[in-house]
N, C-alpha and C. Protein backbone atom coordinates (compact mmCIF):
# COMPACT_ATOMS: atom_id res chain seq x y z
N MET A 1 0.82 -12.30 5.40
CA MET A 1 2.00 -11.93 4.58
C MET A 1 2.44 -10.60 5.05
N THR A 2 3.78 -10.45 5.31
CA THR A 2 4.36 -9.26 5.76
C THR A 2 5.15 -8.67 4.53
N LEU A 3 4.85 -7.44 4.19
CA LEU A 3 5.50 -6.81 3.07
C LEU A 3 6.73 -6.06 3.57
N SER A 4 7.79 -6.02 2.70
CA SER A 4 8.97 -5.31 2.97
C SER A 4 9.34 -4.44 1.80
N ILE A 5 10.04 -3.37 2.07
CA ILE A 5 10.47 -2.51 0.99
C ILE A 5 11.38 -3.33 0.01
N GLY A 6 11.08 -3.16 -1.23
CA GLY A 6 11.80 -3.94 -2.29
C GLY A 6 11.04 -5.19 -2.80
N ASP A 7 10.01 -5.58 -2.06
CA ASP A 7 9.23 -6.71 -2.47
C ASP A 7 8.66 -6.44 -3.85
N LYS A 8 8.61 -7.42 -4.71
CA LYS A 8 7.95 -7.23 -6.04
C LYS A 8 6.65 -8.02 -6.04
N LEU A 9 5.58 -7.40 -6.45
CA LEU A 9 4.24 -8.04 -6.36
C LEU A 9 3.55 -7.93 -7.70
N THR A 10 2.70 -8.88 -8.01
CA THR A 10 1.75 -8.77 -9.11
C THR A 10 0.35 -8.54 -8.43
N LEU A 11 -0.17 -7.28 -8.80
CA LEU A 11 -1.40 -6.83 -8.18
C LEU A 11 -2.51 -6.56 -9.20
N THR A 12 -3.75 -6.69 -8.78
CA THR A 12 -4.91 -6.32 -9.57
C THR A 12 -5.45 -5.13 -8.87
N ILE A 13 -5.65 -4.02 -9.68
CA ILE A 13 -6.10 -2.75 -9.17
C ILE A 13 -7.55 -2.79 -9.04
N ASN A 14 -8.13 -2.65 -7.83
CA ASN A 14 -9.58 -2.70 -7.57
C ASN A 14 -10.32 -1.42 -7.49
N ASP A 15 -9.59 -0.24 -7.29
CA ASP A 15 -10.22 0.96 -6.99
C ASP A 15 -9.23 2.10 -7.22
N ILE A 16 -9.74 3.36 -7.29
CA ILE A 16 -8.86 4.48 -7.36
C ILE A 16 -9.09 5.31 -6.03
N ALA A 17 -7.99 5.67 -5.36
CA ALA A 17 -8.15 6.39 -4.11
C ALA A 17 -8.37 7.91 -4.42
N PHE A 18 -8.62 8.62 -3.37
CA PHE A 18 -8.98 10.09 -3.45
C PHE A 18 -7.88 10.89 -4.22
N GLY A 19 -6.58 10.49 -3.95
CA GLY A 19 -5.49 11.26 -4.59
C GLY A 19 -5.18 10.77 -5.99
N GLY A 20 -5.89 9.71 -6.52
CA GLY A 20 -5.65 9.28 -7.87
C GLY A 20 -4.82 8.02 -7.99
N GLU A 21 -4.35 7.52 -6.85
CA GLU A 21 -3.53 6.33 -6.85
C GLU A 21 -4.42 5.10 -6.93
N GLY A 22 -3.97 4.07 -7.59
CA GLY A 22 -4.66 2.82 -7.67
C GLY A 22 -4.62 2.09 -6.32
N VAL A 23 -5.68 1.32 -6.00
CA VAL A 23 -5.83 0.57 -4.78
C VAL A 23 -5.82 -0.92 -5.10
N ALA A 24 -4.88 -1.58 -4.47
CA ALA A 24 -4.82 -3.09 -4.66
C ALA A 24 -4.75 -3.63 -3.23
N ARG A 25 -5.10 -4.93 -3.09
CA ARG A 25 -5.03 -5.57 -1.76
C ARG A 25 -4.23 -6.87 -1.78
N VAL A 26 -3.44 -7.06 -0.74
CA VAL A 26 -2.69 -8.28 -0.54
C VAL A 26 -3.18 -8.85 0.76
N ASP A 27 -3.97 -9.85 0.81
CA ASP A 27 -4.48 -10.37 2.01
C ASP A 27 -5.13 -9.30 2.88
N ASP A 28 -6.00 -8.52 2.27
CA ASP A 28 -6.73 -7.41 2.98
C ASP A 28 -5.85 -6.26 3.44
N PHE A 29 -4.54 -6.33 3.02
CA PHE A 29 -3.65 -5.18 3.25
C PHE A 29 -3.64 -4.22 2.07
N VAL A 30 -3.85 -2.98 2.21
CA VAL A 30 -3.95 -2.12 1.06
C VAL A 30 -2.59 -1.68 0.56
N VAL A 31 -2.47 -1.71 -0.79
CA VAL A 31 -1.26 -1.21 -1.47
C VAL A 31 -1.64 -0.18 -2.47
N PHE A 32 -1.09 1.02 -2.35
CA PHE A 32 -1.37 2.10 -3.29
C PHE A 32 -0.33 2.13 -4.40
N VAL A 33 -0.79 2.21 -5.62
CA VAL A 33 0.17 2.24 -6.84
C VAL A 33 -0.31 3.44 -7.72
N PRO A 34 0.56 4.35 -8.02
CA PRO A 34 0.20 5.49 -8.91
C PRO A 34 0.27 5.06 -10.40
N PHE A 35 -0.42 5.80 -11.24
CA PHE A 35 -0.33 5.66 -12.66
C PHE A 35 -0.93 4.40 -13.22
N VAL A 36 -2.00 3.94 -12.57
CA VAL A 36 -2.72 2.68 -13.02
C VAL A 36 -4.22 2.96 -13.17
N LEU A 37 -4.89 2.05 -13.83
CA LEU A 37 -6.29 2.14 -13.98
C LEU A 37 -7.01 0.92 -13.35
N VAL A 38 -8.27 1.09 -12.88
CA VAL A 38 -9.03 -0.01 -12.34
C VAL A 38 -9.11 -1.13 -13.31
N GLY A 39 -8.90 -2.36 -12.85
CA GLY A 39 -8.96 -3.53 -13.63
C GLY A 39 -7.66 -4.02 -14.20
N GLU A 40 -6.65 -3.15 -14.16
CA GLU A 40 -5.30 -3.55 -14.59
C GLU A 40 -4.69 -4.54 -13.67
N THR A 41 -3.87 -5.46 -14.23
CA THR A 41 -2.95 -6.29 -13.43
C THR A 41 -1.55 -5.75 -13.73
N VAL A 42 -0.79 -5.42 -12.61
CA VAL A 42 0.49 -4.80 -12.77
C VAL A 42 1.49 -5.46 -11.93
N ASP A 43 2.77 -5.29 -12.33
CA ASP A 43 3.90 -5.68 -11.47
C ASP A 43 4.33 -4.37 -10.78
N ALA A 44 4.57 -4.46 -9.48
CA ALA A 44 4.96 -3.24 -8.73
C ALA A 44 5.96 -3.64 -7.64
N GLU A 45 6.74 -2.61 -7.20
CA GLU A 45 7.74 -2.88 -6.22
C GLU A 45 7.42 -2.00 -4.98
N VAL A 46 7.43 -2.59 -3.84
CA VAL A 46 7.07 -1.84 -2.61
C VAL A 46 8.11 -0.82 -2.32
N THR A 47 7.70 0.39 -2.08
CA THR A 47 8.64 1.49 -1.77
C THR A 47 8.52 2.00 -0.31
N GLU A 48 7.31 1.77 0.26
CA GLU A 48 7.03 2.21 1.66
C GLU A 48 6.02 1.31 2.34
N VAL A 49 6.24 1.03 3.57
CA VAL A 49 5.34 0.20 4.36
C VAL A 49 4.94 0.85 5.61
N LYS A 50 3.73 1.04 5.83
CA LYS A 50 3.16 1.64 7.05
C LYS A 50 2.35 0.62 7.82
N LYS A 51 1.79 0.95 8.97
CA LYS A 51 1.02 -0.02 9.75
C LYS A 51 -0.21 -0.55 8.99
N ASN A 52 -0.90 0.40 8.29
CA ASN A 52 -2.20 -0.01 7.64
C ASN A 52 -2.14 -0.06 6.14
N PHE A 53 -1.10 0.35 5.56
CA PHE A 53 -0.99 0.33 4.05
C PHE A 53 0.41 0.34 3.60
N ALA A 54 0.60 0.16 2.31
CA ALA A 54 1.91 0.23 1.69
C ALA A 54 1.80 1.00 0.37
N ARG A 55 2.92 1.48 -0.08
CA ARG A 55 2.94 2.22 -1.38
C ARG A 55 3.97 1.39 -2.23
N ALA A 56 3.64 1.35 -3.57
CA ALA A 56 4.54 0.65 -4.48
C ALA A 56 4.66 1.43 -5.76
N ARG A 57 5.78 1.23 -6.48
CA ARG A 57 5.92 1.99 -7.76
C ARG A 57 5.66 0.92 -8.87
N LEU A 58 5.03 1.42 -9.90
CA LEU A 58 4.67 0.63 -11.06
C LEU A 58 5.92 0.16 -11.79
N LEU A 59 6.05 -1.08 -12.02
CA LEU A 59 7.19 -1.62 -12.85
C LEU A 59 6.68 -1.81 -14.28
N ARG A 60 5.53 -2.52 -14.43
CA ARG A 60 4.96 -2.75 -15.75
C ARG A 60 3.54 -3.14 -15.61
N VAL A 61 2.82 -2.86 -16.69
CA VAL A 61 1.42 -3.32 -16.81
C VAL A 61 1.41 -4.74 -17.43
N VAL A 62 0.91 -5.74 -16.72
CA VAL A 62 0.87 -7.08 -17.15
C VAL A 62 -0.36 -7.29 -18.07
N GLN A 63 -1.52 -6.76 -17.63
CA GLN A 63 -2.80 -6.96 -18.28
C GLN A 63 -3.55 -5.62 -18.26
N PRO A 64 -3.69 -4.90 -19.40
CA PRO A 64 -4.40 -3.65 -19.36
C PRO A 64 -5.82 -3.79 -19.01
């Protein structure tokens, strides 16, 4: 799966990165989402795509 800016995803947060952002994975591709907690399922919108990771903004928490 190739991610593009503006893609909307439903993600499960698996971990918290060093800077405090949540870590989710889409087919082993890492997506960082700020303002989330481990175990949450969230809707997020991709804001940046790099070679090895993407960043997304939180749209809403689906499952706390």
